[in-house]
Amino acid sequence: MLKDVEKTKAELVEWIRQYFAENGPQCSAVIGISGGKDSSVTAALLVEALGKDRVVGVLMPNGEQADISDSRLLVETLDIPHAEINIAAGFEGMKQALETSEELKAISGQDGMTKDARINLAPRLRMATLYAVAQMLPNGGRVANTCNASEDYVGYSTKYGDAAGDFSPLQQMCVEEVRQLGLSLGLPEELVQKKPSDGLSGMGDEEKLGFTYAVLDRYIRTGEIDDQDTKARIDRLHRLNLHKLRLMPAYQLADEDVTGAEK
């Protein structure tokens, strides 16, 4: 839990302002609006930092989205410019291309997409959409990452999907701390307290993970956990997903392996 929510909120707002001062003084912030607490809180922080006219919300249903009304409520509450871009045609087109490639079938041994490939395709298309929107704005845009510390710790995000972005205000905030910020920002309670769900697998986050965020947050912040099986599961997920948090490794060429430029 945050000791001083107002202090943390003020520091986050200043951090966002500083980021834009250094990385795009005239740019807008571009953010995908899912209708959940993370995108809602991030968007509200952006409005506090930059003003509502420099925050562009992008709603990206994949065909029909049962909770699209929550996304619409958020952009209406914040009164920010927004666009609703349905990714269904792109999703179905890519899915068909992958599933009908005879070469891919021979390489993968799969007759059709795997479950994980299908689940992760949509968030990657959404991130491509956000960067396209950013490049279409008059002064350009910077894409906000909306992941929180709890999700990042166990890899509950899609690499180069929702795990991507230009800057990440909530990366150090656990789930309950995000909720604290949301209430402090005056967001509708139904958005702040909404049951966490990726909107992809048909399951709630906690159901899919096999433990609650309350248990995870306590473990992250204090190292304390009651159930050793749960601890082992969390530790395993964290270890397996560290590649999502680290910069892409690059081979380092030694100085003695290169010659100076010719004169």
C-alpha atoms as a PDB file:
ATOM      1  CA  MET A   1       0.000   0.000   0.000  1.00  0.00           C
ATOM      2  CA  LEU A   2       1.175   3.542  -0.685  1.00  0.00           C
ATOM      3  CA  LYS A   3       2.019   5.474   2.467  1.00  0.00           C
ATOM      4  CA  ASP A   4       1.075   8.837   0.947  1.00  0.00           C
ATOM      5  CA  VAL A   5      -1.122   8.528  -2.140  1.00  0.00           C
ATOM      6  CA  GLU A   6      -1.237  12.254  -2.854  1.00  0.00           C
ATOM      7  CA  LYS A   7       2.552  12.527  -2.721  1.00  0.00           C
ATOM      8  CA  THR A   8       3.004   9.576  -5.073  1.00  0.00           C
ATOM      9  CA  LYS A   9       0.383  10.954  -7.437  1.00  0.00           C
ATOM     10  CA  ALA A  10       2.094  14.353  -7.552  1.00  0.00           C
ATOM     11  CA  GLU A  11       5.468  12.705  -8.210  1.00  0.00           C
ATOM     12  CA  LEU A  12       4.002  10.595 -11.015  1.00  0.00           C
ATOM     13  CA  VAL A  13       2.462  13.657 -12.651  1.00  0.00           C
ATOM     14  CA  GLU A  14       5.781  15.505 -12.486  1.00  0.00           C
ATOM     15  CA  TRP A  15       7.618  12.466 -13.849  1.00  0.00           C
ATOM     16  CA  ILE A  16       5.273  12.356 -16.856  1.00  0.00           C
ATOM     17  CA  ARG A  17       5.776  16.075 -17.487  1.00  0.00           C
ATOM     18  CA  GLN A  18       9.537  15.637 -17.346  1.00  0.00           C
ATOM     19  CA  TYR A  19       9.408  12.690 -19.734  1.00  0.00           C
ATOM     20  CA  PHE A  20       7.526  14.733 -22.322  1.00  0.00           C
ATOM     21  CA  ALA A  21       9.741  17.779 -21.817  1.00  0.00           C
ATOM     22  CA  GLU A  22      12.719  15.613 -22.765  1.00  0.00           C
ATOM     23  CA  ASN A  23      11.105  13.277 -25.317  1.00  0.00           C
ATOM     24  CA  GLY A  24       8.442  15.258 -27.132  1.00  0.00           C
ATOM     25  CA  PRO A  25       7.503  18.710 -25.803  1.00  0.00           C
ATOM     26  CA  GLN A  26       4.759  19.085 -28.413  1.00  0.00           C
ATOM     27  CA  CYS A  27       3.709  15.437 -28.581  1.00  0.00           C
ATOM     28  CA  SER A  28       0.477  13.956 -27.329  1.00  0.00           C
ATOM     29  CA  ALA A  29       0.231  10.862 -25.157  1.00  0.00           C
ATOM     30  CA  VAL A  30      -1.457   7.942 -26.920  1.00  0.00           C
ATOM     31  CA  ILE A  31      -3.067   5.289 -24.738  1.00  0.00           C
ATOM     32  CA  GLY A  32      -5.101   2.166 -25.353  1.00  0.00           C
ATOM     33  CA  ILE A  33      -8.300   2.288 -23.307  1.00  0.00           C
ATOM     34  CA  SER A  34      -9.434  -1.154 -22.153  1.00  0.00           C
ATOM     35  CA  GLY A  35     -11.897  -0.014 -19.512  1.00  0.00           C
ATOM     36  CA  GLY A  36      -9.842  -1.562 -16.706  1.00  0.00           C
ATOM     37  CA  LYS A  37      -8.155   0.133 -13.782  1.00  0.00           C
ATOM     38  CA  ASP A  38      -4.659   0.328 -15.286  1.00  0.00           C
ATOM     39  CA  SER A  39      -5.517   2.179 -18.481  1.00  0.00           C
ATOM     40  CA  SER A  40      -8.039   4.314 -16.570  1.00  0.00           C
ATOM     41  CA  VAL A  41      -5.508   5.400 -13.938  1.00  0.00           C
ATOM     42  CA  THR A  42      -2.744   5.952 -16.493  1.00  0.00           C
ATOM     43  CA  ALA A  43      -5.049   8.069 -18.661  1.00  0.00           C
ATOM     44  CA  ALA A  44      -6.141  10.157 -15.666  1.00  0.00           C
ATOM     45  CA  LEU A  45      -2.507  10.756 -14.667  1.00  0.00           C
ATOM     46  CA  LEU A  46      -1.740  11.845 -18.234  1.00  0.00           C
ATOM     47  CA  VAL A  47      -4.594  14.341 -18.154  1.00  0.00           C
ATOM     48  CA  GLU A  48      -3.298  15.744 -14.857  1.00  0.00           C
ATOM     49  CA  ALA A  49       0.198  16.060 -16.315  1.00  0.00           C
ATOM     50  CA  LEU A  50      -0.474  17.249 -19.866  1.00  0.00           C
ATOM     51  CA  GLY A  51      -4.047  18.487 -20.031  1.00  0.00           C
ATOM     52  CA  LYS A  52      -6.926  16.624 -21.656  1.00  0.00           C
ATOM     53  CA  ASP A  53      -6.238  17.933 -25.169  1.00  0.00           C
ATOM     54  CA  ARG A  54      -2.839  16.189 -25.283  1.00  0.00           C
ATOM     55  CA  VAL A  55      -4.139  12.744 -24.317  1.00  0.00           C
ATOM     56  CA  VAL A  56      -5.541  10.580 -27.115  1.00  0.00           C
ATOM     57  CA  GLY A  57      -7.473   7.493 -26.081  1.00  0.00           C
ATOM     58  CA  VAL A  58      -7.789   4.579 -28.491  1.00  0.00           C
ATOM     59  CA  LEU A  59     -10.521   1.989 -27.978  1.00  0.00           C
ATOM     60  CA  MET A  60      -9.702  -1.236 -29.847  1.00  0.00           C
ATOM     61  CA  PRO A  61     -12.421  -3.891 -29.663  1.00  0.00           C
ATOM     62  CA  ASN A  62     -11.817  -7.133 -31.529  1.00  0.00           C
ATOM     63  CA  GLY A  63     -15.271  -7.497 -33.010  1.00  0.00           C
ATOM     64  CA  GLU A  64     -17.776  -7.355 -30.154  1.00  0.00           C
ATOM     65  CA  GLN A  65     -16.414  -6.348 -26.732  1.00  0.00           C
ATOM     66  CA  ALA A  66     -18.784  -7.052 -23.865  1.00  0.00           C
ATOM     67  CA  ASP A  67     -17.398  -4.297 -21.631  1.00  0.00           C
ATOM     68  CA  ILE A  68     -16.770  -1.615 -24.278  1.00  0.00           C
ATOM     69  CA  SER A  69     -19.123   0.632 -22.300  1.00  0.00           C
ATOM     70  CA  ASP A  70     -16.446   0.850 -19.583  1.00  0.00           C
ATOM     71  CA  SER A  71     -13.924   2.168 -22.114  1.00  0.00           C
ATOM     72  CA  ARG A  72     -16.442   4.727 -23.337  1.00  0.00           C
ATOM     73  CA  LEU A  73     -17.244   5.767 -19.776  1.00  0.00           C
ATOM     74  CA  LEU A  74     -13.554   6.471 -19.127  1.00  0.00           C
ATOM     75  CA  VAL A  75     -12.995   8.706 -22.172  1.00  0.00           C
ATOM     76  CA  GLU A  76     -16.256  10.527 -21.465  1.00  0.00           C
ATOM     77  CA  THR A  77     -15.305  11.032 -17.811  1.00  0.00           C
ATOM     78  CA  LEU A  78     -11.892  12.441 -18.723  1.00  0.00           C
ATOM     79  CA  ASP A  79     -13.290  14.269 -21.788  1.00  0.00           C
ATOM     80  CA  ILE A  80     -10.283  13.336 -23.915  1.00  0.00           C
ATOM     81  CA  PRO A  81     -10.031  13.062 -27.714  1.00  0.00           C
ATOM     82  CA  HIS A  82     -10.525   9.440 -28.674  1.00  0.00           C
ATOM     83  CA  ALA A  83     -11.029   7.050 -31.547  1.00  0.00           C
ATOM     84  CA  GLU A  84     -12.655   3.626 -31.657  1.00  0.00           C
ATOM     85  CA  ILE A  85     -10.770   1.341 -34.035  1.00  0.00           C
ATOM     86  CA  ASN A  86     -12.045  -2.198 -34.400  1.00  0.00           C
ATOM     87  CA  ILE A  87      -9.162  -4.605 -35.019  1.00  0.00           C
ATOM     88  CA  ALA A  88     -11.395  -7.537 -36.049  1.00  0.00           C
ATOM     89  CA  ALA A  89     -10.583  -7.370 -39.772  1.00  0.00           C
ATOM     90  CA  GLY A  90      -6.845  -7.229 -39.117  1.00  0.00           C
ATOM     91  CA  PHE A  91      -7.075 -10.033 -36.565  1.00  0.00           C
ATOM     92  CA  GLU A  92      -9.075 -12.319 -38.827  1.00  0.00           C
ATOM     93  CA  GLY A  93      -6.843 -11.541 -41.813  1.00  0.00           C
ATOM     94  CA  MET A  94      -3.655 -12.374 -39.933  1.00  0.00           C
ATOM     95  CA  LYS A  95      -5.231 -15.440 -38.328  1.00  0.00           C
ATOM     96  CA  GLN A  96      -6.254 -16.740 -41.752  1.00  0.00           C
ATOM     97  CA  ALA A  97      -2.816 -16.038 -43.207  1.00  0.00           C
ATOM     98  CA  LEU A  98      -1.134 -17.964 -40.400  1.00  0.00           C
ATOM     99  CA  GLU A  99      -3.559 -20.875 -40.466  1.00  0.00           C
ATOM    100  CA  THR A 100      -3.496 -21.367 -44.238  1.00  0.00           C
ATOM    101  CA  SER A 101       0.274 -21.219 -44.729  1.00  0.00           C
ATOM    102  CA  GLU A 102       1.322 -24.710 -45.782  1.00  0.00           C
ATOM    103  CA  GLU A 103       4.972 -23.800 -45.186  1.00  0.00           C
ATOM    104  CA  LEU A 104       4.199 -22.768 -41.610  1.00  0.00           C
ATOM    105  CA  LYS A 105       2.255 -25.972 -41.003  1.00  0.00           C
ATOM    106  CA  ALA A 106       5.279 -27.985 -42.128  1.00  0.00           C
ATOM    107  CA  ILE A 107       7.669 -25.987 -39.928  1.00  0.00           C
ATOM    108  CA  SER A 108       5.508 -25.861 -36.799  1.00  0.00           C
ATOM    109  CA  GLY A 109       3.769 -29.198 -37.029  1.00  0.00           C
ATOM    110  CA  GLN A 110       0.562 -27.338 -36.130  1.00  0.00           C
ATOM    111  CA  ASP A 111      -2.675 -27.462 -38.083  1.00  0.00           C
ATOM    112  CA  GLY A 112      -3.926 -24.015 -37.120  1.00  0.00           C
ATOM    113  CA  MET A 113      -2.833 -21.500 -34.502  1.00  0.00           C
ATOM    114  CA  THR A 114      -1.967 -22.605 -30.998  1.00  0.00           C
ATOM    115  CA  LYS A 115      -4.064 -21.184 -28.160  1.00  0.00           C
ATOM    116  CA  ASP A 116      -1.257 -18.910 -26.936  1.00  0.00           C
ATOM    117  CA  ALA A 117      -0.496 -17.619 -30.433  1.00  0.00           C
ATOM    118  CA  ARG A 118      -4.157 -16.762 -30.925  1.00  0.00           C
ATOM    119  CA  ILE A 119      -4.485 -15.075 -27.497  1.00  0.00           C
ATOM    120  CA  ASN A 120      -1.381 -12.931 -27.985  1.00  0.00           C
ATOM    121  CA  LEU A 121      -2.115 -11.863 -31.559  1.00  0.00           C
ATOM    122  CA  ALA A 122      -4.753  -9.293 -30.564  1.00  0.00           C
ATOM    123  CA  PRO A 123      -2.580  -7.320 -28.083  1.00  0.00           C
ATOM    124  CA  ARG A 124       0.245  -7.186 -30.622  1.00  0.00           C
ATOM    125  CA  LEU A 125      -2.137  -5.821 -33.239  1.00  0.00           C
ATOM    126  CA  ARG A 126      -3.388  -3.290 -30.701  1.00  0.00           C
ATOM    127  CA  MET A 127       0.134  -2.059 -30.013  1.00  0.00           C
ATOM    128  CA  ALA A 128       0.779  -1.707 -33.755  1.00  0.00           C
ATOM    129  CA  THR A 129      -2.439   0.321 -33.932  1.00  0.00           C
ATOM    130  CA  LEU A 130      -1.333   2.648 -31.114  1.00  0.00           C
ATOM    131  CA  TYR A 131       1.966   3.399 -32.844  1.00  0.00           C
ATOM    132  CA  ALA A 132       0.150   4.027 -36.135  1.00  0.00           C
ATOM    133  CA  VAL A 133      -2.144   6.489 -34.364  1.00  0.00           C
ATOM    134  CA  ALA A 134       0.854   8.183 -32.734  1.00  0.00           C
ATOM    135  CA  GLN A 135       2.505   8.713 -36.114  1.00  0.00           C
ATOM    136  CA  MET A 136      -0.702  10.146 -37.582  1.00  0.00           C
ATOM    137  CA  LEU A 137      -1.016  12.961 -35.030  1.00  0.00           C
ATOM    138  CA  PRO A 138       0.046  16.477 -36.134  1.00  0.00           C
ATOM    139  CA  ASN A 139       2.832  16.726 -33.538  1.00  0.00           C
ATOM    140  CA  GLY A 140       3.417  13.010 -33.121  1.00  0.00           C
ATOM    141  CA  GLY A 141       2.684  10.902 -30.088  1.00  0.00           C
ATOM    142  CA  ARG A 142       4.300   8.831 -27.374  1.00  0.00           C
ATOM    143  CA  VAL A 143       2.627   5.548 -26.462  1.00  0.00           C
ATOM    144  CA  ALA A 144       1.856   4.914 -22.797  1.00  0.00           C
ATOM    145  CA  ASN A 145       2.492   1.482 -21.347  1.00  0.00           C
ATOM    146  CA  THR A 146      -0.186   0.591 -18.791  1.00  0.00           C
ATOM    147  CA  CYS A 147       1.273  -2.517 -17.101  1.00  0.00           C
ATOM    148  CA  ASN A 148       1.637  -2.600 -13.327  1.00  0.00           C
ATOM    149  CA  ALA A 149       4.285  -4.181 -11.084  1.00  0.00           C
ATOM    150  CA  SER A 150       2.139  -7.177 -10.149  1.00  0.00           C
ATOM    151  CA  GLU A 151       1.474  -8.169 -13.758  1.00  0.00           C
ATOM    152  CA  ASP A 152       5.087  -7.566 -14.738  1.00  0.00           C
ATOM    153  CA  TYR A 153       6.404  -9.690 -11.877  1.00  0.00           C
ATOM    154  CA  VAL A 154       4.671 -12.833 -13.148  1.00  0.00           C
ATOM    155  CA  GLY A 155       4.801 -11.969 -16.846  1.00  0.00           C
ATOM    156  CA  TYR A 156       1.064 -11.371 -17.196  1.00  0.00           C
ATOM    157  CA  SER A 157       1.472  -9.361 -20.368  1.00  0.00           C
ATOM    158  CA  THR A 158       2.200  -9.913 -24.043  1.00  0.00           C
ATOM    159  CA  LYS A 159       5.730  -9.240 -25.220  1.00  0.00           C
ATOM    160  CA  TYR A 160       5.603  -6.488 -27.877  1.00  0.00           C
ATOM    161  CA  GLY A 161       1.897  -6.235 -27.117  1.00  0.00           C
ATOM    162  CA  ASP A 162       0.651  -4.541 -23.962  1.00  0.00           C
ATOM    163  CA  ALA A 163       4.153  -4.960 -22.478  1.00  0.00           C
ATOM    164  CA  ALA A 164       5.475  -2.430 -25.025  1.00  0.00           C
ATOM    165  CA  GLY A 165       5.309   1.369 -24.994  1.00  0.00           C
ATOM    166  CA  ASP A 166       7.476   4.475 -24.748  1.00  0.00           C
ATOM    167  CA  PHE A 167       7.026   5.203 -21.040  1.00  0.00           C
ATOM    168  CA  SER A 168       5.464   3.343 -18.116  1.00  0.00           C
ATOM    169  CA  PRO A 169       3.938   5.330 -15.228  1.00  0.00           C
ATOM    170  CA  LEU A 170       2.592   2.335 -13.295  1.00  0.00           C
ATOM    171  CA  GLN A 171       5.477  -0.102 -13.666  1.00  0.00           C
ATOM    172  CA  GLN A 172       6.436   0.224  -9.985  1.00  0.00           C
ATOM    173  CA  MET A 173       2.850   0.115  -8.644  1.00  0.00           C
ATOM    174  CA  CYS A 174       1.195  -3.074  -7.392  1.00  0.00           C
ATOM    175  CA  VAL A 175      -2.486  -3.715  -8.070  1.00  0.00           C
ATOM    176  CA  GLU A 176      -3.843  -2.318  -4.803  1.00  0.00           C
ATOM    177  CA  GLU A 177      -1.622   0.748  -5.154  1.00  0.00           C
ATOM    178  CA  VAL A 178      -3.070   1.386  -8.610  1.00  0.00           C
ATOM    179  CA  ARG A 179      -6.533   1.233  -7.047  1.00  0.00           C
ATOM    180  CA  GLN A 180      -5.452   3.751  -4.407  1.00  0.00           C
ATOM    181  CA  LEU A 181      -4.346   6.131  -7.153  1.00  0.00           C
ATOM    182  CA  GLY A 182      -7.577   5.617  -9.078  1.00  0.00           C
ATOM    183  CA  LEU A 183      -9.733   6.577  -6.102  1.00  0.00           C
ATOM    184  CA  SER A 184      -7.503   9.573  -5.395  1.00  0.00           C
ATOM    185  CA  LEU A 185      -7.919  10.699  -9.018  1.00  0.00           C
ATOM    186  CA  GLY A 186     -11.707  10.610  -8.636  1.00  0.00           C
ATOM    187  CA  LEU A 187     -12.308   7.923 -11.252  1.00  0.00           C
ATOM    188  CA  PRO A 188     -15.601   6.000 -11.298  1.00  0.00           C
ATOM    189  CA  GLU A 189     -15.419   3.244  -8.700  1.00  0.00           C
ATOM    190  CA  GLU A 190     -16.730   0.645 -11.137  1.00  0.00           C
ATOM    191  CA  LEU A 191     -13.583   1.133 -13.228  1.00  0.00           C
ATOM    192  CA  VAL A 192     -11.138   1.235 -10.317  1.00  0.00           C
ATOM    193  CA  GLN A 193     -12.604  -1.839  -8.587  1.00  0.00           C
ATOM    194  CA  LYS A 194     -13.332  -3.782 -11.762  1.00  0.00           C
ATOM    195  CA  LYS A 195     -12.399  -7.472 -11.649  1.00  0.00           C
ATOM    196  CA  PRO A 196      -9.047  -7.800 -13.448  1.00  0.00           C
ATOM    197  CA  SER A 197      -9.288  -9.662 -16.755  1.00  0.00           C
ATOM    198  CA  ASP A 198      -7.126  -9.732 -19.866  1.00  0.00           C
ATOM    199  CA  GLY A 199     -10.228  -9.762 -22.070  1.00  0.00           C
ATOM    200  CA  LEU A 200      -8.555 -12.431 -24.218  1.00  0.00           C
ATOM    201  CA  SER A 201      -8.735 -15.825 -22.554  1.00  0.00           C
ATOM    202  CA  GLY A 202     -12.270 -15.620 -21.185  1.00  0.00           C
ATOM    203  CA  MET A 203     -10.915 -15.926 -17.641  1.00  0.00           C
ATOM    204  CA  GLY A 204     -10.251 -13.451 -14.851  1.00  0.00           C
ATOM    205  CA  ASP A 205      -6.594 -12.690 -14.097  1.00  0.00           C
ATOM    206  CA  GLU A 206      -6.636 -14.341 -10.683  1.00  0.00           C
ATOM    207  CA  GLU A 207      -8.452 -17.406 -11.988  1.00  0.00           C
ATOM    208  CA  LYS A 208      -5.881 -17.822 -14.734  1.00  0.00           C
ATOM    209  CA  LEU A 209      -2.879 -17.149 -12.503  1.00  0.00           C
ATOM    210  CA  GLY A 210      -4.046 -19.464  -9.747  1.00  0.00           C
ATOM    211  CA  PHE A 211      -3.601 -16.949  -6.915  1.00  0.00           C
ATOM    212  CA  THR A 212      -4.943 -13.549  -5.936  1.00  0.00           C
ATOM    213  CA  TYR A 213      -3.269 -10.210  -6.516  1.00  0.00           C
ATOM    214  CA  ALA A 214      -3.505  -9.590  -2.776  1.00  0.00           C
ATOM    215  CA  VAL A 215      -1.278 -12.611  -2.153  1.00  0.00           C
ATOM    216  CA  LEU A 216       1.077 -11.597  -4.969  1.00  0.00           C
ATOM    217  CA  ASP A 217       1.318  -7.967  -3.859  1.00  0.00           C
ATOM    218  CA  ARG A 218       2.124  -8.980  -0.293  1.00  0.00           C
ATOM    219  CA  TYR A 219       4.856 -11.307  -1.554  1.00  0.00           C
ATOM    220  CA  ILE A 220       6.344  -8.624  -3.820  1.00  0.00           C
ATOM    221  CA  ARG A 221       6.369  -5.951  -1.111  1.00  0.00           C
ATOM    222  CA  THR A 222       7.311  -8.016   1.965  1.00  0.00           C
ATOM    223  CA  GLY A 223       8.574 -11.387   0.767  1.00  0.00           C
ATOM    224  CA  GLU A 224       5.904 -12.991   2.956  1.00  0.00           C
ATOM    225  CA  ILE A 225       3.603 -15.731   1.716  1.00  0.00           C
ATOM    226  CA  ASP A 226       1.659 -18.431   3.555  1.00  0.00           C
ATOM    227  CA  ASP A 227       1.334 -21.169   0.955  1.00  0.00           C
ATOM    228  CA  GLN A 228       4.602 -22.652  -0.298  1.00  0.00           C
ATOM    229  CA  ASP A 229       3.012 -24.136  -3.419  1.00  0.00           C
ATOM    230  CA  THR A 230       1.808 -20.662  -4.378  1.00  0.00           C
ATOM    231  CA  LYS A 231       5.269 -19.269  -3.672  1.00  0.00           C
ATOM    232  CA  ALA A 232       6.803 -21.862  -5.970  1.00  0.00           C
ATOM    233  CA  ARG A 233       4.320 -21.009  -8.723  1.00  0.00           C
ATOM    234  CA  ILE A 234       4.970 -17.274  -8.431  1.00  0.00           C
ATOM    235  CA  ASP A 235       8.740 -17.789  -8.386  1.00  0.00           C
ATOM    236  CA  ARG A 236       8.533 -20.006 -11.463  1.00  0.00           C
ATOM    237  CA  LEU A 237       6.400 -17.506 -13.395  1.00  0.00           C
ATOM    238  CA  HIS A 238       8.756 -14.689 -12.447  1.00  0.00           C
ATOM    239  CA  ARG A 239      11.818 -16.639 -13.565  1.00  0.00           C
ATOM    240  CA  LEU A 240      10.280 -17.752 -16.854  1.00  0.00           C
ATOM    241  CA  ASN A 241       9.102 -14.255 -17.759  1.00  0.00           C
ATOM    242  CA  LEU A 242      12.126 -12.125 -16.889  1.00  0.00           C
ATOM    243  CA  HIS A 243      12.889 -11.855 -20.610  1.00  0.00           C
ATOM    244  CA  LYS A 244       9.853  -9.585 -20.939  1.00  0.00           C
ATOM    245  CA  LEU A 245      11.347  -7.030 -18.538  1.00  0.00           C
ATOM    246  CA  ARG A 246      14.924  -6.970 -19.739  1.00  0.00           C
ATOM    247  CA  LEU A 247      16.323  -5.002 -22.646  1.00  0.00           C
ATOM    248  CA  MET A 248      16.950  -7.090 -25.740  1.00  0.00           C
ATOM    249  CA  PRO A 249      20.441  -8.580 -25.380  1.00  0.00           C
ATOM    250  CA  ALA A 250      22.943  -7.551 -28.030  1.00  0.00           C
ATOM    251  CA  TYR A 251      26.309  -9.049 -28.868  1.00  0.00           C
ATOM    252  CA  GLN A 252      29.122  -6.727 -27.850  1.00  0.00           C
ATOM    253  CA  LEU A 253      31.932  -6.408 -30.387  1.00  0.00           C
ATOM    254  CA  ALA A 254      35.324  -6.051 -28.700  1.00  0.00           C
ATOM    255  CA  ASP A 255      37.471  -3.034 -29.572  1.00  0.00           C
ATOM    256  CA  GLU A 256      40.306  -5.255 -30.783  1.00  0.00           C
ATOM    257  CA  ASP A 257      37.967  -6.843 -33.334  1.00  0.00           C
ATOM    258  CA  VAL A 258      37.479  -3.654 -35.347  1.00  0.00           C
ATOM    259  CA  THR A 259      39.772  -1.317 -37.191  1.00  0.00           C
ATOM    260  CA  GLY A 260      39.650   2.467 -37.210  1.00  0.00           C
ATOM    261  CA  ALA A 261      37.925   4.378 -39.967  1.00  0.00           C
ATOM    262  CA  GLU A 262      40.043   4.890 -43.046  1.00  0.00           C
ATOM    263  CA  LYS A 263      41.359   8.398 -43.580  1.00  0.00           C
END
